[in-house]
Amino acid sequence: MHKLRLSICHNISRLPILYGSSARFYSKLRSDAPIYTNIKTEENAEIYTPPYLKYKEKIPYYQVVTVSVASMDFAILENYFKFMKSLTNRMELDTKSYPLPGISEKVTNLGNISESYELTTYKRNIKIFNILTYSITHLISLLTKFLPETVNMKVFYKDLDEAERYVPNVLVNDLQKKIDGINTLQSNRR
């Protein structure tokens, strides 16, 4: 049989009398008496506390979060986008930001005088990588608090399609049409 020696606080029943209030008793009990420590046997073998007592829960995170802002006022959008980038830099987040090409729309007035206006909507995106769940809540609350009136913000918890980022090159498209026209003329001659 092995004889066990446990390192437990002595005279626990006398502690409330010695230290007065229960708050001081429990603080003294926590600081002085490590109840679950190493248990030593006579053969110098140590039995440790279970490893799950030291286990820290992993904080979940999002792999990619995309914050998209859009406005028809270019100056306000650029100023707010600059604020967004500085805020994410201060929070030391891994980000990638990029502008999207403006989307032009023709709006006509249906009154007696017909007028048409061309309105352009500008968009900017910030992708945030590997952000913790509690950090994204703070970031979104700060961004919505300082959101200007003319700016619309959307948050996507996924990676957006990058096809809308690219502007078609007009010169390349014109040259491709000319090449196709020449190829059709040559095929008609044969």
N, C-alpha and C. Protein backbone atom coordinates (compact mmCIF):
# COMPACT_ATOMS: atom_id res chain seq x y z
N MET A 1 0.83 -1.19 0.00
CA MET A 1 0.00 0.00 0.00
C MET A 1 0.86 1.24 0.00
N HIS A 2 0.43 2.20 -0.78
CA HIS A 2 1.15 3.47 -0.84
C HIS A 2 0.54 4.44 0.16
N LYS A 3 1.41 5.15 0.83
CA LYS A 3 0.93 6.19 1.73
C LYS A 3 0.94 7.50 0.95
N LEU A 4 -0.18 8.21 0.99
CA LEU A 4 -0.30 9.46 0.24
C LEU A 4 -0.18 10.65 1.18
N ARG A 5 0.52 11.67 0.71
CA ARG A 5 0.59 12.93 1.44
C ARG A 5 -0.06 14.00 0.58
N LEU A 6 -1.09 14.61 1.07
CA LEU A 6 -1.81 15.64 0.31
C LEU A 6 -1.45 17.01 0.86
N SER A 7 -1.29 17.96 -0.03
CA SER A 7 -1.03 19.33 0.42
C SER A 7 -2.35 20.08 0.46
N ILE A 8 -3.03 19.97 1.60
CA ILE A 8 -4.32 20.62 1.80
C ILE A 8 -4.17 21.56 2.99
N CYS A 9 -4.94 22.65 2.93
CA CYS A 9 -4.87 23.64 4.01
C CYS A 9 -5.27 22.99 5.34
N HIS A 10 -4.52 23.28 6.39
CA HIS A 10 -4.79 22.71 7.70
C HIS A 10 -5.84 23.53 8.44
N ASN A 11 -6.63 22.87 9.22
CA ASN A 11 -7.60 23.51 10.09
C ASN A 11 -8.56 24.43 9.32
N ILE A 12 -9.22 23.88 8.32
CA ILE A 12 -10.15 24.69 7.53
C ILE A 12 -11.32 25.15 8.39
N SER A 13 -11.69 24.39 9.38
CA SER A 13 -12.84 24.76 10.21
C SER A 13 -12.55 26.01 11.04
N ARG A 14 -11.29 26.32 11.33
CA ARG A 14 -10.95 27.48 12.15
C ARG A 14 -10.79 28.75 11.33
N LEU A 15 -10.74 28.65 9.99
CA LEU A 15 -10.46 29.83 9.17
C LEU A 15 -11.48 30.95 9.31
N PRO A 16 -12.80 30.69 9.33
CA PRO A 16 -13.72 31.82 9.47
C PRO A 16 -13.56 32.56 10.78
N ILE A 17 -13.21 31.87 11.82
CA ILE A 17 -13.03 32.53 13.12
C ILE A 17 -11.76 33.37 13.10
N LEU A 18 -10.71 32.88 12.48
CA LEU A 18 -9.44 33.61 12.47
C LEU A 18 -9.49 34.86 11.60
N TYR A 19 -10.18 34.79 10.46
CA TYR A 19 -10.13 35.90 9.51
C TYR A 19 -11.36 36.78 9.51
N GLY A 20 -12.32 36.53 10.36
CA GLY A 20 -13.47 37.42 10.47
C GLY A 20 -14.50 37.19 9.38
N SER A 21 -14.59 38.10 8.44
CA SER A 21 -15.66 38.04 7.43
C SER A 21 -15.43 36.89 6.46
N SER A 22 -16.52 36.48 5.81
CA SER A 22 -16.44 35.36 4.89
C SER A 22 -15.68 35.74 3.62
N ALA A 23 -15.71 37.01 3.21
CA ALA A 23 -14.99 37.43 2.00
C ALA A 23 -13.49 37.27 2.21
N ARG A 24 -13.02 37.70 3.38
CA ARG A 24 -11.59 37.53 3.65
C ARG A 24 -11.24 36.06 3.81
N PHE A 25 -12.17 35.29 4.36
CA PHE A 25 -11.94 33.86 4.51
C PHE A 25 -11.73 33.19 3.16
N TYR A 26 -12.62 33.46 2.21
CA TYR A 26 -12.51 32.81 0.91
C TYR A 26 -11.32 33.31 0.12
N SER A 27 -10.98 34.59 0.26
CA SER A 27 -9.78 35.09 -0.44
C SER A 27 -8.53 34.47 0.16
N LYS A 28 -8.49 34.31 1.48
CA LYS A 28 -7.35 33.67 2.12
C LYS A 28 -7.28 32.19 1.75
N LEU A 29 -8.46 31.55 1.67
CA LEU A 29 -8.50 30.15 1.30
C LEU A 29 -7.99 29.96 -0.12
N ARG A 30 -8.37 30.87 -1.04
CA ARG A 30 -7.91 30.75 -2.43
C ARG A 30 -6.42 31.01 -2.54
N SER A 31 -5.91 31.97 -1.79
CA SER A 31 -4.49 32.33 -1.95
C SER A 31 -3.55 31.38 -1.22
N ASP A 32 -3.93 30.91 -0.03
CA ASP A 32 -3.01 30.11 0.78
C ASP A 32 -3.13 28.61 0.54
N ALA A 33 -4.29 28.15 0.19
CA ALA A 33 -4.52 26.72 0.20
C ALA A 33 -4.78 26.18 -1.20
N PRO A 34 -3.75 25.78 -1.89
CA PRO A 34 -3.99 25.11 -3.17
C PRO A 34 -4.51 23.70 -2.90
N ILE A 35 -5.81 23.52 -2.94
CA ILE A 35 -6.40 22.24 -2.56
C ILE A 35 -6.02 21.14 -3.54
N TYR A 36 -6.07 21.43 -4.84
CA TYR A 36 -5.72 20.43 -5.84
C TYR A 36 -4.33 20.71 -6.35
N THR A 37 -3.35 20.10 -5.75
CA THR A 37 -1.96 20.23 -6.22
C THR A 37 -1.43 18.83 -6.48
N ASN A 38 -0.13 18.76 -6.64
CA ASN A 38 0.48 17.46 -6.90
C ASN A 38 0.32 16.55 -5.68
N ILE A 39 -0.01 15.32 -5.95
CA ILE A 39 -0.12 14.32 -4.90
C ILE A 39 1.12 13.44 -5.00
N LYS A 40 1.89 13.38 -3.91
CA LYS A 40 3.15 12.63 -3.96
C LYS A 40 3.00 11.31 -3.21
N THR A 41 3.53 10.28 -3.81
CA THR A 41 3.54 8.98 -3.17
C THR A 41 4.94 8.72 -2.64
N GLU A 42 5.10 7.61 -1.95
CA GLU A 42 6.40 7.30 -1.35
C GLU A 42 7.45 6.94 -2.38
N GLU A 43 7.05 6.44 -3.55
CA GLU A 43 8.02 6.05 -4.57
C GLU A 43 8.41 7.22 -5.48
N ASN A 44 8.17 8.46 -5.07
CA ASN A 44 8.47 9.68 -5.82
C ASN A 44 7.71 9.77 -7.14
N ALA A 45 6.66 9.05 -7.25
CA ALA A 45 5.81 9.19 -8.43
C ALA A 45 4.79 10.28 -8.15
N GLU A 46 4.59 11.16 -9.11
CA GLU A 46 3.66 12.27 -8.91
C GLU A 46 2.41 12.06 -9.75
N ILE A 47 1.28 12.30 -9.13
CA ILE A 47 0.01 12.26 -9.83
C ILE A 47 -0.46 13.71 -9.94
N TYR A 48 -0.63 14.18 -11.15
CA TYR A 48 -0.99 15.58 -11.35
C TYR A 48 -2.50 15.75 -11.43
N THR A 49 -2.91 16.98 -11.36
CA THR A 49 -4.33 17.29 -11.54
C THR A 49 -4.73 17.00 -12.98
N PRO A 50 -5.98 16.75 -13.22
CA PRO A 50 -6.42 16.44 -14.59
C PRO A 50 -6.13 17.61 -15.54
N PRO A 51 -5.78 17.31 -16.77
CA PRO A 51 -5.41 18.39 -17.70
C PRO A 51 -6.59 19.27 -18.10
N TYR A 52 -7.82 18.77 -17.97
CA TYR A 52 -8.96 19.59 -18.39
C TYR A 52 -9.22 20.76 -17.44
N LEU A 53 -8.62 20.73 -16.25
CA LEU A 53 -8.77 21.87 -15.35
C LEU A 53 -8.00 23.09 -15.86
N LYS A 54 -6.94 22.85 -16.61
CA LYS A 54 -6.15 23.94 -17.16
C LYS A 54 -6.59 24.31 -18.57
N TYR A 55 -7.59 23.62 -19.09
CA TYR A 55 -8.01 23.82 -20.47
C TYR A 55 -8.67 25.19 -20.63
N LYS A 56 -8.24 25.93 -21.63
CA LYS A 56 -8.87 27.20 -21.95
C LYS A 56 -9.67 27.02 -23.23
N GLU A 57 -10.87 27.50 -23.19
CA GLU A 57 -11.73 27.35 -24.36
C GLU A 57 -11.23 28.24 -25.49
N LYS A 58 -11.21 27.68 -26.70
CA LYS A 58 -10.77 28.46 -27.85
C LYS A 58 -11.87 29.43 -28.24
N ILE A 59 -11.46 30.66 -28.54
CA ILE A 59 -12.42 31.68 -28.95
C ILE A 59 -12.68 31.51 -30.45
N PRO A 60 -13.93 31.41 -30.86
CA PRO A 60 -14.19 31.23 -32.29
C PRO A 60 -13.87 32.48 -33.09
N TYR A 61 -13.58 32.29 -34.35
CA TYR A 61 -13.26 33.42 -35.22
C TYR A 61 -13.85 33.20 -36.60
N TYR A 62 -13.97 34.30 -37.33
CA TYR A 62 -14.42 34.25 -38.72
C TYR A 62 -13.20 34.26 -39.61
N GLN A 63 -13.21 33.42 -40.65
CA GLN A 63 -12.07 33.39 -41.56
C GLN A 63 -12.04 34.64 -42.43
N VAL A 64 -13.16 35.01 -43.02
CA VAL A 64 -13.23 36.21 -43.87
C VAL A 64 -14.53 36.94 -43.57
N VAL A 65 -14.40 38.25 -43.31
CA VAL A 65 -15.55 39.13 -43.17
C VAL A 65 -15.33 40.28 -44.15
N THR A 66 -16.34 40.57 -44.97
CA THR A 66 -16.24 41.65 -45.93
C THR A 66 -17.20 42.76 -45.52
N VAL A 67 -16.67 43.96 -45.33
CA VAL A 67 -17.48 45.13 -45.02
C VAL A 67 -17.53 45.97 -46.29
N SER A 68 -18.73 46.17 -46.81
CA SER A 68 -18.92 46.90 -48.06
C SER A 68 -19.68 48.18 -47.77
N VAL A 69 -19.15 49.31 -48.25
CA VAL A 69 -19.82 50.60 -48.10
C VAL A 69 -20.08 51.17 -49.49
N ALA A 70 -21.22 51.84 -49.64
CA ALA A 70 -21.60 52.43 -50.93
C ALA A 70 -22.26 53.78 -50.68
N SER A 71 -22.02 54.71 -51.60
CA SER A 71 -22.62 56.04 -51.51
C SER A 71 -22.59 56.70 -52.87
N MET A 72 -23.46 57.70 -53.05
CA MET A 72 -23.44 58.48 -54.28
C MET A 72 -22.57 59.72 -54.13
N ASP A 73 -22.18 60.04 -52.91
CA ASP A 73 -21.30 61.18 -52.66
C ASP A 73 -19.87 60.65 -52.49
N PHE A 74 -19.03 60.94 -53.47
CA PHE A 74 -17.68 60.37 -53.50
C PHE A 74 -16.82 60.87 -52.34
N ALA A 75 -16.89 62.17 -52.04
CA ALA A 75 -16.03 62.75 -51.00
C ALA A 75 -16.34 62.17 -49.63
N ILE A 76 -17.61 62.05 -49.30
CA ILE A 76 -17.99 61.49 -47.99
C ILE A 76 -17.59 60.02 -47.90
N LEU A 77 -17.78 59.28 -49.00
CA LEU A 77 -17.41 57.86 -49.00
C LEU A 77 -15.91 57.68 -48.80
N GLU A 78 -15.11 58.47 -49.49
CA GLU A 78 -13.65 58.35 -49.35
C GLU A 78 -13.20 58.70 -47.94
N ASN A 79 -13.80 59.73 -47.35
CA ASN A 79 -13.44 60.12 -45.98
C ASN A 79 -13.80 59.02 -44.99
N TYR A 80 -14.98 58.42 -45.15
CA TYR A 80 -15.40 57.34 -44.25
C TYR A 80 -14.55 56.09 -44.47
N PHE A 81 -14.19 55.81 -45.72
CA PHE A 81 -13.35 54.65 -46.02
C PHE A 81 -11.97 54.81 -45.39
N LYS A 82 -11.46 56.03 -45.40
CA LYS A 82 -10.18 56.32 -44.74
C LYS A 82 -10.30 56.06 -43.23
N PHE A 83 -11.43 56.46 -42.64
CA PHE A 83 -11.67 56.21 -41.22
C PHE A 83 -11.73 54.70 -40.95
N MET A 84 -12.40 53.95 -41.82
CA MET A 84 -12.50 52.49 -41.65
C MET A 84 -11.12 51.84 -41.67
N LYS A 85 -10.27 52.26 -42.61
CA LYS A 85 -8.93 51.67 -42.70
C LYS A 85 -8.10 52.02 -41.47
N SER A 86 -8.20 53.26 -40.99
CA SER A 86 -7.42 53.63 -39.80
C SER A 86 -7.91 52.88 -38.57
N LEU A 87 -9.21 52.65 -38.47
CA LEU A 87 -9.76 51.91 -37.32
C LEU A 87 -9.29 50.45 -37.34
N THR A 88 -9.31 49.81 -38.50
CA THR A 88 -8.85 48.43 -38.58
C THR A 88 -7.35 48.33 -38.35
N ASN A 89 -6.61 49.35 -38.75
CA ASN A 89 -5.16 49.35 -38.47
C ASN A 89 -4.90 49.51 -36.98
N ARG A 90 -5.68 50.35 -36.31
CA ARG A 90 -5.51 50.52 -34.86
C ARG A 90 -5.87 49.25 -34.09
N MET A 91 -6.83 48.51 -34.61
CA MET A 91 -7.21 47.25 -33.96
C MET A 91 -6.27 46.11 -34.35
N GLU A 92 -5.29 46.40 -35.20
CA GLU A 92 -4.26 45.45 -35.66
C GLU A 92 -4.90 44.22 -36.30
N LEU A 93 -5.81 44.48 -37.24
CA LEU A 93 -6.48 43.40 -37.96
C LEU A 93 -5.81 43.19 -39.30
N ASP A 94 -5.86 41.97 -39.78
CA ASP A 94 -5.31 41.62 -41.08
C ASP A 94 -6.36 41.96 -42.14
N THR A 95 -6.13 43.03 -42.92
CA THR A 95 -7.14 43.51 -43.85
C THR A 95 -6.59 43.65 -45.26
N LYS A 96 -7.52 43.71 -46.18
CA LYS A 96 -7.22 44.01 -47.58
C LYS A 96 -8.37 44.89 -48.07
N SER A 97 -8.06 46.08 -48.54
CA SER A 97 -9.10 47.00 -48.96
C SER A 97 -8.95 47.32 -50.44
N TYR A 98 -10.08 47.53 -51.10
CA TYR A 98 -10.05 47.84 -52.53
C TYR A 98 -11.32 48.58 -52.92
N PRO A 99 -11.20 49.46 -53.94
CA PRO A 99 -12.39 50.14 -54.46
C PRO A 99 -13.04 49.33 -55.56
N LEU A 100 -14.30 49.58 -55.78
CA LEU A 100 -15.03 48.97 -56.89
C LEU A 100 -15.38 50.07 -57.89
N PRO A 101 -15.51 49.74 -59.15
CA PRO A 101 -15.87 50.78 -60.12
C PRO A 101 -17.28 51.32 -59.87
N GLY A 102 -17.46 52.59 -60.19
CA GLY A 102 -18.76 53.22 -59.99
C GLY A 102 -19.81 52.65 -60.93
N ILE A 103 -21.03 52.58 -60.45
CA ILE A 103 -22.15 52.08 -61.25
C ILE A 103 -23.01 53.28 -61.63
N SER A 104 -23.10 53.57 -62.93
CA SER A 104 -23.88 54.72 -63.41
C SER A 104 -25.29 54.29 -63.75
N GLU A 105 -26.25 55.13 -63.37
CA GLU A 105 -27.66 54.88 -63.65
C GLU A 105 -28.28 56.15 -64.21
N LYS A 106 -29.15 56.01 -65.19
CA LYS A 106 -29.89 57.15 -65.71
C LYS A 106 -31.24 57.19 -65.05
N VAL A 107 -31.58 58.34 -64.47
CA VAL A 107 -32.85 58.52 -63.80
C VAL A 107 -33.61 59.60 -64.56
N THR A 108 -34.84 59.32 -64.94
CA THR A 108 -35.64 60.30 -65.68
C THR A 108 -36.76 60.81 -64.80
N ASN A 109 -37.11 62.07 -65.03
CA ASN A 109 -38.20 62.70 -64.32
C ASN A 109 -39.47 62.51 -65.14
N LEU A 110 -40.52 62.04 -64.54
CA LEU A 110 -41.75 61.74 -65.28
C LEU A 110 -42.77 62.87 -65.22
N GLY A 111 -42.37 64.08 -64.89
CA GLY A 111 -43.30 65.21 -64.84
C GLY A 111 -43.51 65.81 -66.21
N ASN A 112 -44.05 67.05 -66.24
CA ASN A 112 -44.29 67.74 -67.50
C ASN A 112 -42.98 68.02 -68.24
N ILE A 113 -41.95 68.38 -67.50
CA ILE A 113 -40.64 68.63 -68.10
C ILE A 113 -39.83 67.36 -67.92
N SER A 114 -39.52 66.73 -69.02
CA SER A 114 -38.76 65.48 -68.89
C SER A 114 -37.27 65.79 -68.84
N GLU A 115 -36.68 65.40 -67.77
CA GLU A 115 -35.24 65.57 -67.59
C GLU A 115 -34.66 64.22 -67.21
N SER A 116 -33.41 64.04 -67.54
CA SER A 116 -32.74 62.80 -67.14
C SER A 116 -31.45 63.16 -66.42
N TYR A 117 -31.19 62.42 -65.39
CA TYR A 117 -30.00 62.63 -64.57
C TYR A 117 -29.17 61.36 -64.60
N GLU A 118 -27.87 61.53 -64.53
CA GLU A 118 -26.98 60.37 -64.45
C GLU A 118 -26.38 60.34 -63.05
N LEU A 119 -26.72 59.32 -62.30
CA LEU A 119 -26.24 59.16 -60.92
C LEU A 119 -25.25 58.01 -60.86
N THR A 120 -24.18 58.21 -60.11
CA THR A 120 -23.14 57.19 -59.98
C THR A 120 -23.06 56.75 -58.53
N THR A 121 -23.09 55.45 -58.32
CA THR A 121 -22.93 54.87 -56.98
C THR A 121 -21.51 54.32 -56.87
N TYR A 122 -20.78 54.79 -55.86
CA TYR A 122 -19.40 54.36 -55.64
C TYR A 122 -19.39 53.34 -54.51
N LYS A 123 -18.51 52.34 -54.63
CA LYS A 123 -18.42 51.29 -53.60
C LYS A 123 -16.98 51.08 -53.19
N ARG A 124 -16.81 50.72 -51.92
CA ARG A 124 -15.50 50.35 -51.37
C ARG A 124 -15.70 49.13 -50.49
N ASN A 125 -14.71 48.23 -50.50
CA ASN A 125 -14.77 47.00 -49.70
C ASN A 125 -13.52 46.85 -48.86
N ILE A 126 -13.70 46.29 -47.68
CA ILE A 126 -12.57 45.89 -46.83
C ILE A 126 -12.80 44.43 -46.45
N LYS A 127 -11.81 43.60 -46.74
CA LYS A 127 -11.84 42.20 -46.32
C LYS A 127 -11.01 42.08 -45.05
N ILE A 128 -11.58 41.45 -44.04
CA ILE A 128 -10.89 41.25 -42.77
C ILE A 128 -10.71 39.75 -42.60
N PHE A 129 -9.48 39.34 -42.34
CA PHE A 129 -9.15 37.92 -42.25
C PHE A 129 -8.91 37.52 -40.80
N ASN A 130 -9.42 36.34 -40.41
CA ASN A 130 -9.18 35.72 -39.10
C ASN A 130 -9.47 36.68 -37.95
N ILE A 131 -10.68 37.17 -37.89
CA ILE A 131 -11.07 38.10 -36.83
C ILE A 131 -11.87 37.34 -35.78
N LEU A 132 -11.57 37.61 -34.52
CA LEU A 132 -12.28 36.96 -33.41
C LEU A 132 -13.70 37.48 -33.32
N THR A 133 -14.59 36.67 -32.78
CA THR A 133 -16.00 37.04 -32.76
C THR A 133 -16.26 38.27 -31.89
N TYR A 134 -15.56 38.41 -30.79
CA TYR A 134 -15.80 39.59 -29.96
C TYR A 134 -15.19 40.84 -30.59
N SER A 135 -14.17 40.70 -31.42
CA SER A 135 -13.59 41.87 -32.09
C SER A 135 -14.51 42.38 -33.19
N ILE A 136 -15.17 41.47 -33.90
CA ILE A 136 -16.05 41.91 -34.99
C ILE A 136 -17.26 42.65 -34.45
N THR A 137 -17.75 42.27 -33.27
CA THR A 137 -18.88 43.00 -32.70
C THR A 137 -18.49 44.42 -32.33
N HIS A 138 -17.29 44.59 -31.77
CA HIS A 138 -16.82 45.94 -31.43
C HIS A 138 -16.60 46.76 -32.69
N LEU A 139 -16.00 46.15 -33.70
CA LEU A 139 -15.72 46.86 -34.94
C LEU A 139 -17.01 47.32 -35.62
N ILE A 140 -17.99 46.45 -35.73
CA ILE A 140 -19.24 46.81 -36.40
C ILE A 140 -20.00 47.87 -35.61
N SER A 141 -19.98 47.78 -34.30
CA SER A 141 -20.67 48.80 -33.51
C SER A 141 -20.01 50.16 -33.68
N LEU A 142 -18.68 50.21 -33.75
CA LEU A 142 -18.00 51.49 -33.98
C LEU A 142 -18.26 52.02 -35.39
N LEU A 143 -18.25 51.13 -36.38
CA LEU A 143 -18.48 51.58 -37.75
C LEU A 143 -19.91 52.10 -37.93
N THR A 144 -20.89 51.45 -37.33
CA THR A 144 -22.26 51.93 -37.46
C THR A 144 -22.50 53.21 -36.65
N LYS A 145 -21.75 53.38 -35.57
CA LYS A 145 -21.91 54.60 -34.77
C LYS A 145 -21.46 55.83 -35.55
N PHE A 146 -20.39 55.71 -36.33
CA PHE A 146 -19.85 56.84 -37.06
C PHE A 146 -20.24 56.83 -38.54
N LEU A 147 -21.25 56.07 -38.91
CA LEU A 147 -21.67 55.96 -40.31
C LEU A 147 -22.38 57.25 -40.75
N PRO A 148 -21.90 57.90 -41.83
CA PRO A 148 -22.58 59.11 -42.32
C PRO A 148 -23.95 58.77 -42.91
N GLU A 149 -24.78 59.80 -43.08
CA GLU A 149 -26.16 59.56 -43.52
C GLU A 149 -26.25 59.03 -44.94
N THR A 150 -25.38 59.46 -45.82
CA THR A 150 -25.51 59.07 -47.23
C THR A 150 -24.80 57.76 -47.55
N VAL A 151 -24.18 57.14 -46.57
CA VAL A 151 -23.40 55.92 -46.81
C VAL A 151 -24.19 54.71 -46.34
N ASN A 152 -24.23 53.68 -47.18
CA ASN A 152 -24.87 52.40 -46.82
C ASN A 152 -23.77 51.38 -46.55
N MET A 153 -23.93 50.63 -45.47
CA MET A 153 -22.92 49.63 -45.10
C MET A 153 -23.57 48.25 -45.05
N LYS A 154 -22.87 47.26 -45.61
CA LYS A 154 -23.30 45.87 -45.55
C LYS A 154 -22.13 45.03 -45.07
N VAL A 155 -22.42 44.03 -44.24
CA VAL A 155 -21.39 43.13 -43.72
C VAL A 155 -21.71 41.72 -44.21
N PHE A 156 -20.73 41.10 -44.86
CA PHE A 156 -20.87 39.74 -45.36
C PHE A 156 -19.88 38.86 -44.63
N TYR A 157 -20.35 37.73 -44.11
CA TYR A 157 -19.47 36.81 -43.40
C TYR A 157 -18.93 35.74 -44.34
N LYS A 158 -18.59 36.17 -45.54
CA LYS A 158 -18.01 35.27 -46.54
C LYS A 158 -17.19 36.11 -47.50
N ASP A 159 -16.51 35.44 -48.39
CA ASP A 159 -15.70 36.11 -49.40
C ASP A 159 -16.59 36.44 -50.59
N LEU A 160 -16.60 37.72 -50.99
CA LEU A 160 -17.43 38.12 -52.12
C LEU A 160 -16.76 37.76 -53.44
N ASP A 161 -17.58 37.67 -54.47
CA ASP A 161 -17.08 37.38 -55.80
C ASP A 161 -16.25 38.57 -56.29
N GLU A 162 -15.07 38.29 -56.81
CA GLU A 162 -14.18 39.37 -57.24
C GLU A 162 -14.39 39.77 -58.69
N ALA A 163 -15.39 39.21 -59.37
CA ALA A 163 -15.61 39.54 -60.78
C ALA A 163 -16.03 41.00 -60.95
N GLU A 164 -16.74 41.53 -59.96
CA GLU A 164 -17.18 42.92 -60.08
C GLU A 164 -16.05 43.93 -59.85
N ARG A 165 -14.91 43.47 -59.37
CA ARG A 165 -13.77 44.38 -59.16
C ARG A 165 -13.16 44.86 -60.46
N TYR A 166 -13.22 44.05 -61.48
CA TYR A 166 -12.47 44.33 -62.69
C TYR A 166 -13.31 45.11 -63.69
N VAL A 167 -12.69 46.14 -64.26
CA VAL A 167 -13.34 46.98 -65.25
C VAL A 167 -12.95 46.45 -66.62
N PRO A 168 -13.91 46.24 -67.52
CA PRO A 168 -13.53 45.77 -68.85
C PRO A 168 -12.76 46.85 -69.60
N ASN A 169 -11.70 46.44 -70.27
CA ASN A 169 -10.87 47.38 -71.02
C ASN A 169 -11.52 47.61 -72.37
N VAL A 170 -11.90 48.87 -72.63
CA VAL A 170 -12.62 49.21 -73.85
C VAL A 170 -11.74 49.01 -75.08
N LEU A 171 -10.46 49.39 -74.96
CA LEU A 171 -9.55 49.25 -76.10
C LEU A 171 -9.36 47.79 -76.49
N VAL A 172 -9.21 46.94 -75.51
CA VAL A 172 -9.02 45.51 -75.79
C VAL A 172 -10.28 44.94 -76.44
N ASN A 173 -11.45 45.34 -75.95
CA ASN A 173 -12.70 44.84 -76.54
C ASN A 173 -12.86 45.31 -77.98
N ASP A 174 -12.51 46.59 -78.27
CA ASP A 174 -12.59 47.10 -79.65
C ASP A 174 -11.63 46.35 -80.57
N LEU A 175 -10.41 46.13 -80.10
CA LEU A 175 -9.44 45.40 -80.92
C LEU A 175 -9.89 43.96 -81.16
N GLN A 176 -10.50 43.34 -80.15
CA GLN A 176 -10.99 41.97 -80.32
C GLN A 176 -12.11 41.92 -81.35
N LYS A 177 -12.99 42.94 -81.36
CA LYS A 177 -14.06 43.00 -82.36
C LYS A 177 -13.48 43.16 -83.76
N LYS A 178 -12.43 44.01 -83.90
CA LYS A 178 -11.79 44.19 -85.21
C LYS A 178 -11.15 42.89 -85.68
N ILE A 179 -10.49 42.19 -84.77
CA ILE A 179 -9.86 40.91 -85.14
C ILE A 179 -10.91 39.90 -85.57
N ASP A 180 -12.03 39.85 -84.84
CA ASP A 180 -13.12 38.93 -85.22
C ASP A 180 -13.70 39.30 -86.58
N GLY A 181 -13.82 40.61 -86.86
CA GLY A 181 -14.33 41.06 -88.16
C GLY A 181 -13.38 40.67 -89.29
N ILE A 182 -12.08 40.84 -89.06
CA ILE A 182 -11.09 40.46 -90.08
C ILE A 182 -11.12 38.95 -90.30
N ASN A 183 -11.23 38.18 -89.23
CA ASN A 183 -11.28 36.71 -89.36
C ASN A 183 -12.51 36.27 -90.14
N THR A 184 -13.65 36.91 -89.92
CA THR A 184 -14.86 36.54 -90.67
C THR A 184 -14.73 36.91 -92.15
N LEU A 185 -14.09 38.06 -92.45
CA LEU A 185 -13.87 38.44 -93.85
C LEU A 185 -12.96 37.44 -94.55
N GLN A 186 -11.91 37.02 -93.85
CA GLN A 186 -10.98 36.06 -94.46
C GLN A 186 -11.65 34.70 -94.66
N SER A 187 -12.49 34.31 -93.74
CA SER A 187 -13.18 33.02 -93.90
C SER A 187 -14.22 33.09 -95.01
N ASN A 188 -14.81 34.26 -95.27
CA ASN A 188 -15.78 34.41 -96.35
C ASN A 188 -15.11 34.36 -97.72
N ARG A 189 -13.87 34.85 -97.84
CA ARG A 189 -13.13 34.86 -99.11
C ARG A 189 -12.74 33.44 -99.52
N ARG A 190 -12.53 32.57 -98.60
CA ARG A 190 -12.08 31.21 -98.92
C ARG A 190 -13.23 30.45 -99.36
